[in-house]
């Protein structure tokens, strides 16, 4: 029987993203960086909701989205597990999502009046940190 992998994620009340989005983003990053691996069991809806101090329906919605997208798989009577690695999105969908993310990012950063070089430096540092977590 697989052990449940704890999900150490933080929910930020000041974050502009809805809580469901914060959960889905955190799980995607943990899977992408290898922090949680294919076959790992995730906490139950109730367990994660208790851990985060949020409504179980919110966790259920996040888990549902991740399952629909192919990040997680439900095993009847056993719970949710990280799905095997595979390409989850078509090239066109990846491009569309990247474009959307870049547009949202630029819309948030431009009003901050930060130098472009500083933005590039921060982005490079974040990607480097993710690569270290992957290794």
Protein backbone atom coordinates (compact mmCIF):
# COMPACT_ATOMS: atom_id res chain seq x y z
CA UNK A 1 0.00 0.00 0.00
CA UNK A 2 1.44 3.38 -1.03
CA UNK A 3 1.99 5.97 1.64
CA UNK A 4 0.32 9.31 1.31
CA UNK A 5 2.76 12.04 0.31
CA UNK A 6 2.23 15.19 2.35
CA UNK A 7 1.51 18.30 0.31
CA UNK A 8 3.41 21.13 1.89
CA UNK A 9 1.71 24.08 0.23
CA UNK A 10 0.85 27.52 1.48
CA UNK A 11 -2.33 29.42 0.79
CA UNK A 12 -1.77 33.17 0.74
CA UNK A 13 -4.79 35.22 1.72
CA UNK A 14 -3.36 38.28 -0.05
CA UNK A 15 -2.83 36.40 -3.32
CA UNK A 16 -4.99 37.62 -6.20
CA UNK A 17 -5.44 34.04 -7.41
CA UNK A 18 -8.41 32.08 -6.06
CA UNK A 19 -7.53 29.37 -3.54
CA UNK A 20 -8.39 26.64 -6.06
CA UNK A 21 -5.84 28.14 -8.44
CA UNK A 22 -3.21 28.39 -5.71
CA UNK A 23 -3.64 24.68 -4.97
CA UNK A 24 -3.57 23.59 -8.62
CA UNK A 25 -0.53 25.75 -9.36
CA UNK A 26 1.34 24.40 -6.31
CA UNK A 27 0.61 20.76 -7.20
CA UNK A 28 1.62 21.28 -10.85
CA UNK A 29 4.95 22.80 -9.76
CA UNK A 30 5.60 20.00 -7.24
CA UNK A 31 4.97 17.39 -9.94
CA UNK A 32 6.98 19.28 -12.60
CA UNK A 33 9.99 19.67 -10.31
CA UNK A 34 9.84 16.05 -9.15
CA UNK A 35 9.08 17.00 -5.56
CA UNK A 36 6.17 14.59 -5.82
CA UNK A 37 6.52 11.72 -8.27
CA UNK A 38 4.28 9.56 -10.42
CA UNK A 39 2.60 6.96 -8.22
CA UNK A 40 2.72 9.09 -5.06
CA UNK A 41 -0.59 9.22 -3.24
CA UNK A 42 -1.96 12.64 -2.36
CA UNK A 43 -3.75 13.50 0.87
CA UNK A 44 -7.50 13.01 0.92
CA UNK A 45 -9.75 15.96 0.17
CA UNK A 46 -10.73 16.17 3.81
CA UNK A 47 -7.12 15.80 5.00
CA UNK A 48 -5.75 18.57 2.78
CA UNK A 49 -8.70 20.83 3.58
CA UNK A 50 -8.01 20.36 7.28
CA UNK A 51 -4.30 20.99 6.83
CA UNK A 52 -4.94 24.22 4.91
CA UNK A 53 -7.91 25.32 6.99
CA UNK A 54 -10.21 25.64 3.98
CA UNK A 55 -13.49 24.19 2.74
CA UNK A 56 -13.21 20.58 1.44
CA UNK A 57 -15.20 21.61 -1.65
CA UNK A 58 -12.33 23.90 -2.64
CA UNK A 59 -9.83 21.04 -2.45
CA UNK A 60 -12.23 18.74 -4.31
CA UNK A 61 -12.51 21.30 -7.11
CA UNK A 62 -8.72 21.66 -7.35
CA UNK A 63 -8.21 17.89 -7.36
CA UNK A 64 -10.95 17.57 -10.00
CA UNK A 65 -9.21 20.07 -12.28
CA UNK A 66 -5.87 18.33 -11.86
CA UNK A 67 -7.45 14.97 -12.62
CA UNK A 68 -9.21 16.31 -15.73
CA UNK A 69 -5.91 17.80 -16.94
CA UNK A 70 -4.13 14.45 -16.42
CA UNK A 71 -1.86 15.45 -13.53
CA UNK A 72 -3.63 13.11 -11.10
CA UNK A 73 -5.45 9.82 -11.44
CA UNK A 74 -8.18 8.46 -9.22
CA UNK A 75 -7.96 4.83 -8.17
CA UNK A 76 -11.32 3.43 -7.13
CA UNK A 77 -11.49 3.13 -3.36
CA UNK A 78 -7.81 4.00 -2.94
CA UNK A 79 -7.54 7.75 -3.47
CA UNK A 80 -5.71 10.12 -5.79
CA UNK A 81 -2.25 9.48 -7.19
CA UNK A 82 0.20 11.43 -9.32
CA UNK A 83 -0.33 10.24 -12.90
CA UNK A 84 2.55 8.89 -15.00
CA UNK A 85 4.55 11.57 -16.82
CA UNK A 86 3.30 12.38 -20.28
CA UNK A 87 2.68 15.42 -22.42
CA UNK A 88 -0.56 16.74 -20.96
CA UNK A 89 -1.25 19.61 -23.36
CA UNK A 90 -1.05 20.01 -27.10
CA UNK A 91 1.54 22.37 -28.54
CA UNK A 92 -1.20 24.86 -29.42
CA UNK A 93 -2.64 24.78 -25.91
CA UNK A 94 0.81 25.23 -24.37
CA UNK A 95 1.41 28.24 -26.64
CA UNK A 96 -2.00 29.72 -25.76
CA UNK A 97 -1.38 29.31 -22.03
CA UNK A 98 2.11 30.76 -22.30
CA UNK A 99 0.76 33.78 -24.17
CA UNK A 100 -1.96 34.28 -21.53
CA UNK A 101 0.54 33.97 -18.69
CA UNK A 102 2.97 36.42 -20.27
CA UNK A 103 0.22 38.95 -20.91
CA UNK A 104 -1.01 38.70 -17.30
CA UNK A 105 2.56 38.97 -16.02
CA UNK A 106 3.31 42.05 -18.12
CA UNK A 107 0.04 43.67 -17.05
CA UNK A 108 1.05 43.16 -13.39
CA UNK A 109 4.70 44.24 -13.77
CA UNK A 110 4.47 47.31 -16.01
CA UNK A 111 2.63 49.40 -13.39
CA UNK A 112 5.42 48.59 -10.91
CA UNK A 113 7.79 50.66 -13.03
CA UNK A 114 10.63 48.14 -12.66
CA UNK A 115 13.57 48.10 -15.07
CA UNK A 116 13.33 45.36 -17.70
CA UNK A 117 16.80 44.08 -16.78
CA UNK A 118 15.65 43.65 -13.16
CA UNK A 119 12.60 41.70 -14.33
CA UNK A 120 14.80 39.41 -16.46
CA UNK A 121 17.17 38.86 -13.53
CA UNK A 122 14.31 37.90 -11.20
CA UNK A 123 12.78 35.54 -13.78
CA UNK A 124 16.14 33.88 -14.41
CA UNK A 125 16.64 33.44 -10.65
CA UNK A 126 13.20 31.83 -10.25
CA UNK A 127 13.82 29.39 -13.09
CA UNK A 128 17.26 28.56 -11.68
CA UNK A 129 15.67 27.83 -8.29
CA UNK A 130 13.14 25.51 -9.96
CA UNK A 131 15.94 23.70 -11.81
CA UNK A 132 17.80 23.16 -8.53
CA UNK A 133 14.64 21.70 -6.98
CA UNK A 134 14.35 19.36 -9.98
CA UNK A 135 17.93 18.10 -9.63
